[in-house]
Amino acid sequence: MARVFKRIINLLLFPAKEWKSIAEEKNSRKTIYVHFVVPLLCIMTVTTVTGILLYTSHGIFYAICRIFTLWVSISVGLYISSFLITEIMARDIDTSVTREHNRVFALMAYSSGAAYLVIIIVSLFPFPFFKVFLVLAFYTLYLYWMGIPHIVQVEGQKRTVYGMSSFIIMLLIYLLMFFLFGNIFEAIFI
């Protein structure tokens, strides 16, 4: 767990240096998912349940619905988005690195660390004041932008095209996942 927070802190404070370090790693999607995403999802689970049970009138079934939606949407969203970005962008931006699914997955997963921290804070303290922290989730976009030249080795105008196109793909996939799975799990548990 300490490595996860160290990585997030380094990305938040020293993004260029940390992206260079990440670029040298040869981790698979499974390794990144298990060692980075899952620990954060576990913390999100605890903070979401705690926040719901302590500060809202919703019951355990609502909490279960939120947890399932969170896990499935983030997990499936990461895999589908990284796959689509890799396949679509490899055709438009011709570098061998843009065709590497593991590297695109790493870029997405690690840059999302800031958003995961915001979800943890807002889930634990579901008060209107703390929703201000949601603005900090946009730092994920900056981290993603900073990681593009290091991880997928795209620079210049191609970087802009890659960044904007992949952001649109991610946004659409995540919105679809949260809407779809949120409705499915709500129908099951509530």
C-alpha atoms as a PDB file:
ATOM      1  CA  MET A   1       0.000   0.000   0.000  1.00  0.00           C
ATOM      2  CA  ALA A   2       2.900   2.333   0.738  1.00  0.00           C
ATOM      3  CA  ARG A   3       4.159   1.907  -2.848  1.00  0.00           C
ATOM      4  CA  VAL A   4       0.751   2.921  -4.203  1.00  0.00           C
ATOM      5  CA  PHE A   5       0.673   6.152  -2.211  1.00  0.00           C
ATOM      6  CA  LYS A   6       4.316   6.853  -2.960  1.00  0.00           C
ATOM      7  CA  ARG A   7       3.553   6.551  -6.676  1.00  0.00           C
ATOM      8  CA  ILE A   8       0.537   8.852  -6.385  1.00  0.00           C
ATOM      9  CA  ILE A   9       2.440  11.439  -4.356  1.00  0.00           C
ATOM     10  CA  ASN A  10       5.343  11.358  -6.809  1.00  0.00           C
ATOM     11  CA  LEU A  11       2.942  11.787  -9.734  1.00  0.00           C
ATOM     12  CA  LEU A  12       1.211  14.677  -7.996  1.00  0.00           C
ATOM     13  CA  LEU A  13       4.409  16.487  -7.002  1.00  0.00           C
ATOM     14  CA  PHE A  14       6.977  15.391  -9.609  1.00  0.00           C
ATOM     15  CA  PRO A  15       5.029  14.112 -12.632  1.00  0.00           C
ATOM     16  CA  ALA A  16       7.801  14.333 -15.250  1.00  0.00           C
ATOM     17  CA  LYS A  17      10.273  12.427 -13.064  1.00  0.00           C
ATOM     18  CA  GLU A  18       7.728   9.771 -12.089  1.00  0.00           C
ATOM     19  CA  TRP A  19       6.571   9.251 -15.693  1.00  0.00           C
ATOM     20  CA  LYS A  20      10.185   8.634 -16.695  1.00  0.00           C
ATOM     21  CA  SER A  21      10.411   6.000 -13.974  1.00  0.00           C
ATOM     22  CA  ILE A  22       7.131   4.402 -15.084  1.00  0.00           C
ATOM     23  CA  ALA A  23       8.300   4.391 -18.720  1.00  0.00           C
ATOM     24  CA  GLU A  24      11.235   2.175 -17.738  1.00  0.00           C
ATOM     25  CA  GLU A  25       8.954  -0.413 -16.127  1.00  0.00           C
ATOM     26  CA  LYS A  26       7.661  -3.366 -18.111  1.00  0.00           C
ATOM     27  CA  ASN A  27       4.554  -4.182 -16.066  1.00  0.00           C
ATOM     28  CA  SER A  28       1.606  -6.033 -17.542  1.00  0.00           C
ATOM     29  CA  ARG A  29      -1.957  -4.768 -17.284  1.00  0.00           C
ATOM     30  CA  LYS A  30      -2.669  -7.440 -14.701  1.00  0.00           C
ATOM     31  CA  THR A  31       0.286  -6.365 -12.542  1.00  0.00           C
ATOM     32  CA  ILE A  32      -0.723  -2.705 -12.696  1.00  0.00           C
ATOM     33  CA  TYR A  33      -4.331  -3.564 -11.942  1.00  0.00           C
ATOM     34  CA  VAL A  34      -3.531  -5.853  -9.002  1.00  0.00           C
ATOM     35  CA  HIS A  35      -0.773  -3.746  -7.434  1.00  0.00           C
ATOM     36  CA  PHE A  36      -2.112  -0.240  -8.072  1.00  0.00           C
ATOM     37  CA  VAL A  37      -5.821  -0.153  -8.940  1.00  0.00           C
ATOM     38  CA  VAL A  38      -7.114  -2.889  -6.611  1.00  0.00           C
ATOM     39  CA  PRO A  39      -5.606  -1.402  -3.420  1.00  0.00           C
ATOM     40  CA  LEU A  40      -7.199   1.935  -4.261  1.00  0.00           C
ATOM     41  CA  LEU A  41     -10.531   0.251  -5.024  1.00  0.00           C
ATOM     42  CA  CYS A  42     -10.339  -1.474  -1.629  1.00  0.00           C
ATOM     43  CA  ILE A  43      -9.822   1.861   0.113  1.00  0.00           C
ATOM     44  CA  MET A  44     -12.683   3.346  -1.938  1.00  0.00           C
ATOM     45  CA  THR A  45     -14.859   0.455  -0.779  1.00  0.00           C
ATOM     46  CA  VAL A  46     -14.151   1.137   2.888  1.00  0.00           C
ATOM     47  CA  THR A  47     -14.590   4.903   2.582  1.00  0.00           C
ATOM     48  CA  THR A  48     -17.767   4.586   0.520  1.00  0.00           C
ATOM     49  CA  VAL A  49     -19.424   2.180   2.955  1.00  0.00           C
ATOM     50  CA  THR A  50     -18.272   4.253   5.933  1.00  0.00           C
ATOM     51  CA  GLY A  51     -19.523   7.492   4.414  1.00  0.00           C
ATOM     52  CA  ILE A  52     -22.885   6.024   3.445  1.00  0.00           C
ATOM     53  CA  LEU A  53     -23.539   4.296   6.763  1.00  0.00           C
ATOM     54  CA  LEU A  54     -22.321   7.164   8.971  1.00  0.00           C
ATOM     55  CA  TYR A  55     -23.618  10.216   7.162  1.00  0.00           C
ATOM     56  CA  THR A  56     -26.631   9.222   5.070  1.00  0.00           C
ATOM     57  CA  SER A  57     -29.953   7.546   5.621  1.00  0.00           C
ATOM     58  CA  HIS A  58     -29.240   4.981   2.910  1.00  0.00           C
ATOM     59  CA  GLY A  59     -28.889   1.386   3.989  1.00  0.00           C
ATOM     60  CA  ILE A  60     -26.435  -1.402   3.341  1.00  0.00           C
ATOM     61  CA  PHE A  61     -28.041  -2.353   0.034  1.00  0.00           C
ATOM     62  CA  TYR A  62     -27.410   1.123  -1.327  1.00  0.00           C
ATOM     63  CA  ALA A  63     -23.787   0.835  -0.180  1.00  0.00           C
ATOM     64  CA  ILE A  64     -23.439  -2.551  -1.888  1.00  0.00           C
ATOM     65  CA  CYS A  65     -24.888  -1.095  -5.095  1.00  0.00           C
ATOM     66  CA  ARG A  66     -22.391   1.784  -4.998  1.00  0.00           C
ATOM     67  CA  ILE A  67     -19.460  -0.579  -4.344  1.00  0.00           C
ATOM     68  CA  PHE A  68     -20.342  -2.939  -7.186  1.00  0.00           C
ATOM     69  CA  THR A  69     -20.865   0.008  -9.530  1.00  0.00           C
ATOM     70  CA  LEU A  70     -17.515   1.493  -8.538  1.00  0.00           C
ATOM     71  CA  TRP A  71     -15.519  -1.736  -8.922  1.00  0.00           C
ATOM     72  CA  VAL A  72     -17.073  -2.896 -12.160  1.00  0.00           C
ATOM     73  CA  SER A  73     -17.192   0.538 -13.797  1.00  0.00           C
ATOM     74  CA  ILE A  74     -13.588   1.421 -13.014  1.00  0.00           C
ATOM     75  CA  SER A  75     -12.249  -2.038 -13.853  1.00  0.00           C
ATOM     76  CA  VAL A  76     -14.189  -2.591 -17.048  1.00  0.00           C
ATOM     77  CA  GLY A  77     -13.770   1.071 -18.011  1.00  0.00           C
ATOM     78  CA  LEU A  78      -9.986   0.865 -17.685  1.00  0.00           C
ATOM     79  CA  TYR A  79      -9.699  -2.260 -19.807  1.00  0.00           C
ATOM     80  CA  ILE A  80     -12.159  -1.202 -22.512  1.00  0.00           C
ATOM     81  CA  SER A  81     -10.835   2.373 -22.726  1.00  0.00           C
ATOM     82  CA  SER A  82      -7.207   1.311 -22.922  1.00  0.00           C
ATOM     83  CA  PHE A  83      -8.052  -1.277 -25.580  1.00  0.00           C
ATOM     84  CA  LEU A  84     -10.035   1.200 -27.691  1.00  0.00           C
ATOM     85  CA  ILE A  85      -7.446   3.950 -27.322  1.00  0.00           C
ATOM     86  CA  THR A  86      -4.677   1.557 -28.308  1.00  0.00           C
ATOM     87  CA  GLU A  87      -6.522   0.228 -31.339  1.00  0.00           C
ATOM     88  CA  ILE A  88      -7.949   3.522 -32.577  1.00  0.00           C
ATOM     89  CA  MET A  89      -4.918   5.705 -31.935  1.00  0.00           C
ATOM     90  CA  ALA A  90      -2.443   3.175 -33.342  1.00  0.00           C
ATOM     91  CA  ARG A  91      -4.069   3.702 -36.726  1.00  0.00           C
ATOM     92  CA  ASP A  92      -3.984   7.500 -36.522  1.00  0.00           C
ATOM     93  CA  ILE A  93      -0.665   8.034 -34.789  1.00  0.00           C
ATOM     94  CA  ASP A  94       1.986   5.773 -36.171  1.00  0.00           C
ATOM     95  CA  THR A  95       4.449   4.836 -33.436  1.00  0.00           C
ATOM     96  CA  SER A  96       5.138   1.325 -32.265  1.00  0.00           C
ATOM     97  CA  VAL A  97       4.584   2.299 -28.619  1.00  0.00           C
ATOM     98  CA  THR A  98       0.983   3.445 -29.210  1.00  0.00           C
ATOM     99  CA  ARG A  99       0.231  -0.181 -30.119  1.00  0.00           C
ATOM    100  CA  GLU A 100       1.309  -1.510 -26.718  1.00  0.00           C
ATOM    101  CA  HIS A 101      -1.782  -2.193 -24.625  1.00  0.00           C
ATOM    102  CA  ASN A 102       0.201  -2.427 -21.366  1.00  0.00           C
ATOM    103  CA  ARG A 103       1.706   1.033 -21.802  1.00  0.00           C
ATOM    104  CA  VAL A 104      -1.623   2.696 -22.573  1.00  0.00           C
ATOM    105  CA  PHE A 105      -3.194   0.886 -19.612  1.00  0.00           C
ATOM    106  CA  ALA A 106      -0.339   2.133 -17.370  1.00  0.00           C
ATOM    107  CA  LEU A 107      -0.841   5.689 -18.600  1.00  0.00           C
ATOM    108  CA  MET A 108      -4.541   5.545 -17.805  1.00  0.00           C
ATOM    109  CA  ALA A 109      -4.283   3.744 -14.463  1.00  0.00           C
ATOM    110  CA  TYR A 110      -1.478   5.809 -12.973  1.00  0.00           C
ATOM    111  CA  SER A 111      -2.797   9.159 -14.168  1.00  0.00           C
ATOM    112  CA  SER A 112      -6.153   8.299 -12.549  1.00  0.00           C
ATOM    113  CA  GLY A 113      -4.516   8.142  -9.129  1.00  0.00           C
ATOM    114  CA  ALA A 114      -5.480  11.768  -8.414  1.00  0.00           C
ATOM    115  CA  ALA A 115      -9.121  11.031  -9.263  1.00  0.00           C
ATOM    116  CA  TYR A 116      -9.069   7.935  -7.051  1.00  0.00           C
ATOM    117  CA  LEU A 117      -7.837  10.029  -4.108  1.00  0.00           C
ATOM    118  CA  VAL A 118     -10.638  12.519  -4.671  1.00  0.00           C
ATOM    119  CA  ILE A 119     -13.211   9.705  -4.758  1.00  0.00           C
ATOM    120  CA  ILE A 120     -11.794   8.391  -1.474  1.00  0.00           C
ATOM    121  CA  ILE A 121     -12.107  11.798   0.226  1.00  0.00           C
ATOM    122  CA  VAL A 122     -15.570  12.602  -1.146  1.00  0.00           C
ATOM    123  CA  SER A 123     -16.842   9.092  -0.324  1.00  0.00           C
ATOM    124  CA  LEU A 124     -15.631   9.295   3.259  1.00  0.00           C
ATOM    125  CA  PHE A 125     -17.038  12.789   3.754  1.00  0.00           C
ATOM    126  CA  PRO A 126     -20.190  13.010   1.585  1.00  0.00           C
ATOM    127  CA  PHE A 127     -20.910  16.618   2.553  1.00  0.00           C
ATOM    128  CA  PRO A 128     -21.533  19.366  -0.005  1.00  0.00           C
ATOM    129  CA  PHE A 129     -18.397  21.230   1.110  1.00  0.00           C
ATOM    130  CA  PHE A 130     -16.151  18.267   0.266  1.00  0.00           C
ATOM    131  CA  LYS A 131     -17.570  18.056  -3.260  1.00  0.00           C
ATOM    132  CA  VAL A 132     -15.229  20.978  -3.993  1.00  0.00           C
ATOM    133  CA  PHE A 133     -12.484  18.340  -4.094  1.00  0.00           C
ATOM    134  CA  LEU A 134     -14.040  16.956  -7.285  1.00  0.00           C
ATOM    135  CA  VAL A 135     -12.359  19.821  -9.113  1.00  0.00           C
ATOM    136  CA  LEU A 136      -9.036  18.280  -8.128  1.00  0.00           C
ATOM    137  CA  ALA A 137      -9.948  15.203 -10.150  1.00  0.00           C
ATOM    138  CA  PHE A 138      -9.197  17.302 -13.224  1.00  0.00           C
ATOM    139  CA  TYR A 139      -5.549  17.065 -12.212  1.00  0.00           C
ATOM    140  CA  THR A 140      -5.838  13.577 -13.711  1.00  0.00           C
ATOM    141  CA  LEU A 141      -6.045  15.231 -17.136  1.00  0.00           C
ATOM    142  CA  TYR A 142      -2.817  17.091 -16.490  1.00  0.00           C
ATOM    143  CA  LEU A 143      -1.107  13.909 -15.315  1.00  0.00           C
ATOM    144  CA  TYR A 144      -2.357  12.060 -18.386  1.00  0.00           C
ATOM    145  CA  TRP A 145      -1.076  14.874 -20.616  1.00  0.00           C
ATOM    146  CA  MET A 146       2.325  14.825 -18.898  1.00  0.00           C
ATOM    147  CA  GLY A 147       2.574  11.045 -19.288  1.00  0.00           C
ATOM    148  CA  ILE A 148       1.830  10.863 -23.013  1.00  0.00           C
ATOM    149  CA  PRO A 149       5.361  11.657 -24.287  1.00  0.00           C
ATOM    150  CA  HIS A 150       6.996   9.344 -21.748  1.00  0.00           C
ATOM    151  CA  ILE A 151       4.677   6.351 -21.926  1.00  0.00           C
ATOM    152  CA  VAL A 152       3.386   6.281 -25.518  1.00  0.00           C
ATOM    153  CA  GLN A 153       6.123   8.514 -26.956  1.00  0.00           C
ATOM    154  CA  VAL A 154       3.859  10.921 -28.809  1.00  0.00           C
ATOM    155  CA  GLU A 155       4.973  14.561 -29.082  1.00  0.00           C
ATOM    156  CA  GLY A 156       3.925  17.818 -30.741  1.00  0.00           C
ATOM    157  CA  GLN A 157       0.636  18.119 -32.579  1.00  0.00           C
ATOM    158  CA  LYS A 158       0.153  14.342 -32.455  1.00  0.00           C
ATOM    159  CA  ARG A 159       0.246  14.604 -28.659  1.00  0.00           C
ATOM    160  CA  THR A 160      -2.681  17.038 -28.755  1.00  0.00           C
ATOM    161  CA  VAL A 161      -4.670  14.777 -31.069  1.00  0.00           C
ATOM    162  CA  TYR A 162      -3.827  11.721 -28.974  1.00  0.00           C
ATOM    163  CA  GLY A 163      -4.661  13.458 -25.687  1.00  0.00           C
ATOM    164  CA  MET A 164      -7.976  14.924 -26.796  1.00  0.00           C
ATOM    165  CA  SER A 165      -9.130  11.815 -28.651  1.00  0.00           C
ATOM    166  CA  SER A 166      -8.223   9.443 -25.839  1.00  0.00           C
ATOM    167  CA  PHE A 167      -9.853  11.724 -23.252  1.00  0.00           C
ATOM    168  CA  ILE A 168     -13.120  11.682 -25.222  1.00  0.00           C
ATOM    169  CA  ILE A 169     -12.964   7.887 -25.477  1.00  0.00           C
ATOM    170  CA  MET A 170     -12.295   7.535 -21.727  1.00  0.00           C
ATOM    171  CA  LEU A 171     -15.058   9.967 -20.788  1.00  0.00           C
ATOM    172  CA  LEU A 172     -17.647   8.222 -22.946  1.00  0.00           C
ATOM    173  CA  ILE A 173     -16.674   4.744 -21.739  1.00  0.00           C
ATOM    174  CA  TYR A 174     -16.674   5.709 -18.051  1.00  0.00           C
ATOM    175  CA  LEU A 175     -20.009   7.530 -18.300  1.00  0.00           C
ATOM    176  CA  LEU A 176     -21.496   4.539 -20.090  1.00  0.00           C
ATOM    177  CA  MET A 177     -20.082   2.113 -17.497  1.00  0.00           C
ATOM    178  CA  PHE A 178     -21.337   4.109 -14.492  1.00  0.00           C
ATOM    179  CA  PHE A 179     -24.759   4.590 -16.060  1.00  0.00           C
ATOM    180  CA  LEU A 180     -25.128   1.003 -17.243  1.00  0.00           C
ATOM    181  CA  PHE A 181     -23.776  -0.793 -14.184  1.00  0.00           C
ATOM    182  CA  GLY A 182     -25.283   1.745 -11.777  1.00  0.00           C
ATOM    183  CA  ASN A 183     -28.730   0.985 -13.167  1.00  0.00           C
ATOM    184  CA  ILE A 184     -28.146  -2.773 -13.239  1.00  0.00           C
ATOM    185  CA  PHE A 185     -26.902  -2.950  -9.638  1.00  0.00           C
ATOM    186  CA  GLU A 186     -29.594  -0.551  -8.456  1.00  0.00           C
ATOM    187  CA  ALA A 187     -32.229  -2.840  -9.951  1.00  0.00           C
ATOM    188  CA  ILE A 188     -30.659  -5.831  -8.195  1.00  0.00           C
ATOM    189  CA  PHE A 189     -29.927  -4.401  -4.751  1.00  0.00           C
ATOM    190  CA  ILE A 190     -32.425  -1.618  -4.194  1.00  0.00           C
END
